[in-house]
């Protein structure tokens, strides 16, 4: 999704325009996440980019998208350009932390000698 939104419209309140934009973004994200996953893929990874007034797009975290929109609205932006791309995401296996086995061996040796 790559879309440019005008925040200033003559017949609409600015707050209603912002809420409509957020609603459309949430709808798009829900639709993307509900797509069937290909084999070997764990989740859909979303990459978000945003800019105000046709400036250079800045990469932001997916979790901060709505907050960033609110911030740009407070900065009196006239237009927002939002780009959301979905990629196949694969979970990384958790690393097993090696425990210090020498401390365990010491406690076993003291129990055997007593």
C-alpha atoms as a PDB file:
ATOM      1  CA  UNK A   1       0.000   0.000   0.000  1.00  0.00           C
ATOM      2  CA  UNK A   2       1.406   3.347  -1.006  1.00  0.00           C
ATOM      3  CA  UNK A   3      -1.025   6.183  -0.547  1.00  0.00           C
ATOM      4  CA  UNK A   4      -1.018   9.946  -0.069  1.00  0.00           C
ATOM      5  CA  UNK A   5      -3.644  11.450   2.226  1.00  0.00           C
ATOM      6  CA  UNK A   6      -4.730  15.085   2.380  1.00  0.00           C
ATOM      7  CA  UNK A   7      -5.365  16.172   5.950  1.00  0.00           C
ATOM      8  CA  UNK A   8      -7.069  19.445   5.069  1.00  0.00           C
ATOM      9  CA  UNK A   9     -10.466  19.184   3.403  1.00  0.00           C
ATOM     10  CA  UNK A  10     -12.989  22.015   3.162  1.00  0.00           C
ATOM     11  CA  UNK A  11     -16.123  20.202   4.258  1.00  0.00           C
ATOM     12  CA  UNK A  12     -14.652  17.819   6.815  1.00  0.00           C
ATOM     13  CA  UNK A  13     -13.252  18.305  10.294  1.00  0.00           C
ATOM     14  CA  UNK A  14      -9.525  17.521  10.495  1.00  0.00           C
ATOM     15  CA  UNK A  15     -10.054  15.082  13.380  1.00  0.00           C
ATOM     16  CA  UNK A  16     -12.568  13.067  11.340  1.00  0.00           C
ATOM     17  CA  UNK A  17     -10.157  12.942   8.399  1.00  0.00           C
ATOM     18  CA  UNK A  18      -7.376  11.611  10.643  1.00  0.00           C
ATOM     19  CA  UNK A  19      -9.690   8.975  12.152  1.00  0.00           C
ATOM     20  CA  UNK A  20     -10.739   7.872   8.657  1.00  0.00           C
ATOM     21  CA  UNK A  21      -7.069   7.490   7.667  1.00  0.00           C
ATOM     22  CA  UNK A  22      -6.312   5.423  10.775  1.00  0.00           C
ATOM     23  CA  UNK A  23      -9.371   3.257  10.129  1.00  0.00           C
ATOM     24  CA  UNK A  24      -8.293   2.584   6.539  1.00  0.00           C
ATOM     25  CA  UNK A  25      -4.760   1.670   7.678  1.00  0.00           C
ATOM     26  CA  UNK A  26      -6.053  -0.695  10.355  1.00  0.00           C
ATOM     27  CA  UNK A  27      -8.367  -2.331   7.819  1.00  0.00           C
ATOM     28  CA  UNK A  28      -5.481  -2.822   5.387  1.00  0.00           C
ATOM     29  CA  UNK A  29      -3.228  -4.304   8.079  1.00  0.00           C
ATOM     30  CA  UNK A  30      -5.946  -6.709   9.206  1.00  0.00           C
ATOM     31  CA  UNK A  31      -6.509  -7.808   5.603  1.00  0.00           C
ATOM     32  CA  UNK A  32      -2.766  -8.375   5.082  1.00  0.00           C
ATOM     33  CA  UNK A  33      -2.362 -10.376   8.288  1.00  0.00           C
ATOM     34  CA  UNK A  34      -5.334 -12.614   7.431  1.00  0.00           C
ATOM     35  CA  UNK A  35      -3.846 -13.703   4.106  1.00  0.00           C
ATOM     36  CA  UNK A  36      -2.888 -17.394   4.055  1.00  0.00           C
ATOM     37  CA  UNK A  37       0.747 -18.016   4.903  1.00  0.00           C
ATOM     38  CA  UNK A  38       2.973 -19.852   2.419  1.00  0.00           C
ATOM     39  CA  UNK A  39       4.587 -23.067   3.607  1.00  0.00           C
ATOM     40  CA  UNK A  40       7.545 -22.462   5.911  1.00  0.00           C
ATOM     41  CA  UNK A  41       6.482 -18.924   6.836  1.00  0.00           C
ATOM     42  CA  UNK A  42       5.529 -18.070  10.437  1.00  0.00           C
ATOM     43  CA  UNK A  43       3.970 -14.595  10.090  1.00  0.00           C
ATOM     44  CA  UNK A  44       3.610 -11.533   7.869  1.00  0.00           C
ATOM     45  CA  UNK A  45       6.242  -8.911   8.621  1.00  0.00           C
ATOM     46  CA  UNK A  46       5.127  -5.330   7.938  1.00  0.00           C
ATOM     47  CA  UNK A  47       7.526  -2.565   6.945  1.00  0.00           C
ATOM     48  CA  UNK A  48       6.176   0.971   7.291  1.00  0.00           C
ATOM     49  CA  UNK A  49       7.403   4.242   5.839  1.00  0.00           C
ATOM     50  CA  UNK A  50       5.854   7.649   6.357  1.00  0.00           C
ATOM     51  CA  UNK A  51       6.485  11.251   5.372  1.00  0.00           C
ATOM     52  CA  UNK A  52       4.707  14.560   5.678  1.00  0.00           C
ATOM     53  CA  UNK A  53       4.173  17.069   2.885  1.00  0.00           C
ATOM     54  CA  UNK A  54       5.940  14.847   0.289  1.00  0.00           C
ATOM     55  CA  UNK A  55       9.274  14.837   2.125  1.00  0.00           C
ATOM     56  CA  UNK A  56      11.618  11.854   2.107  1.00  0.00           C
ATOM     57  CA  UNK A  57      10.024   8.650   3.452  1.00  0.00           C
ATOM     58  CA  UNK A  58      11.265   7.606   6.893  1.00  0.00           C
ATOM     59  CA  UNK A  59      11.212   3.967   8.010  1.00  0.00           C
ATOM     60  CA  UNK A  60       9.335   3.448  11.271  1.00  0.00           C
ATOM     61  CA  UNK A  61       8.378   0.470  13.399  1.00  0.00           C
ATOM     62  CA  UNK A  62       4.962  -1.019  12.699  1.00  0.00           C
ATOM     63  CA  UNK A  63       3.965  -0.581  16.359  1.00  0.00           C
ATOM     64  CA  UNK A  64       4.614   3.178  16.154  1.00  0.00           C
ATOM     65  CA  UNK A  65       2.653   3.885  12.972  1.00  0.00           C
ATOM     66  CA  UNK A  66      -0.504   5.325  14.562  1.00  0.00           C
ATOM     67  CA  UNK A  67       1.532   7.324  17.116  1.00  0.00           C
ATOM     68  CA  UNK A  68       3.641   8.776  14.306  1.00  0.00           C
ATOM     69  CA  UNK A  69       0.516   9.826  12.426  1.00  0.00           C
ATOM     70  CA  UNK A  70      -0.695  11.644  15.558  1.00  0.00           C
ATOM     71  CA  UNK A  71       2.663  13.404  15.921  1.00  0.00           C
ATOM     72  CA  UNK A  72       2.689  14.539  12.292  1.00  0.00           C
ATOM     73  CA  UNK A  73      -0.861  15.854  12.614  1.00  0.00           C
ATOM     74  CA  UNK A  74       0.202  17.882  15.659  1.00  0.00           C
ATOM     75  CA  UNK A  75       3.071  19.289  13.591  1.00  0.00           C
ATOM     76  CA  UNK A  76       0.434  20.740  11.231  1.00  0.00           C
ATOM     77  CA  UNK A  77       1.219  18.511   8.255  1.00  0.00           C
ATOM     78  CA  UNK A  78      -0.990  19.115   5.225  1.00  0.00           C
ATOM     79  CA  UNK A  79      -0.367  15.732   3.577  1.00  0.00           C
ATOM     80  CA  UNK A  80       0.793  12.295   4.678  1.00  0.00           C
ATOM     81  CA  UNK A  81       2.438   9.738   2.448  1.00  0.00           C
ATOM     82  CA  UNK A  82       2.202   6.248   3.944  1.00  0.00           C
ATOM     83  CA  UNK A  83       3.745   3.090   2.524  1.00  0.00           C
ATOM     84  CA  UNK A  84       3.141  -0.332   4.080  1.00  0.00           C
ATOM     85  CA  UNK A  85       4.790  -3.439   2.636  1.00  0.00           C
ATOM     86  CA  UNK A  86       4.289  -6.993   3.855  1.00  0.00           C
ATOM     87  CA  UNK A  87       7.032  -9.605   3.763  1.00  0.00           C
ATOM     88  CA  UNK A  88       7.268 -13.222   4.781  1.00  0.00           C
ATOM     89  CA  UNK A  89       8.576 -13.497   8.327  1.00  0.00           C
ATOM     90  CA  UNK A  90      10.292 -16.486   9.885  1.00  0.00           C
ATOM     91  CA  UNK A  91      10.799 -16.722  13.627  1.00  0.00           C
ATOM     92  CA  UNK A  92      14.361 -17.156  14.776  1.00  0.00           C
ATOM     93  CA  UNK A  93      14.965 -20.076  17.122  1.00  0.00           C
ATOM     94  CA  UNK A  94      15.786 -19.093  20.678  1.00  0.00           C
ATOM     95  CA  UNK A  95      19.435 -19.355  21.603  1.00  0.00           C
ATOM     96  CA  UNK A  96      20.214 -21.786  24.375  1.00  0.00           C
ATOM     97  CA  UNK A  97      22.327 -20.092  26.999  1.00  0.00           C
ATOM     98  CA  UNK A  98      25.187 -22.298  28.169  1.00  0.00           C
ATOM     99  CA  UNK A  99      25.025 -22.676  31.929  1.00  0.00           C
ATOM    100  CA  UNK A 100      28.094 -22.772  34.105  1.00  0.00           C
ATOM    101  CA  UNK A 101      28.475 -26.525  34.739  1.00  0.00           C
ATOM    102  CA  UNK A 102      31.504 -26.182  37.028  1.00  0.00           C
ATOM    103  CA  UNK A 103      29.331 -24.820  39.858  1.00  0.00           C
ATOM    104  CA  UNK A 104      27.000 -27.807  39.524  1.00  0.00           C
ATOM    105  CA  UNK A 105      29.918 -30.259  39.606  1.00  0.00           C
ATOM    106  CA  UNK A 106      31.276 -28.655  42.789  1.00  0.00           C
ATOM    107  CA  UNK A 107      27.974 -29.130  44.616  1.00  0.00           C
ATOM    108  CA  UNK A 108      27.780 -32.777  43.527  1.00  0.00           C
ATOM    109  CA  UNK A 109      31.340 -33.456  44.749  1.00  0.00           C
ATOM    110  CA  UNK A 110      30.655 -31.949  48.182  1.00  0.00           C
ATOM    111  CA  UNK A 111      27.511 -34.039  48.603  1.00  0.00           C
ATOM    112  CA  UNK A 112      29.369 -37.290  47.786  1.00  0.00           C
ATOM    113  CA  UNK A 113      32.170 -36.639  50.283  1.00  0.00           C
ATOM    114  CA  UNK A 114      29.892 -35.960  53.240  1.00  0.00           C
END
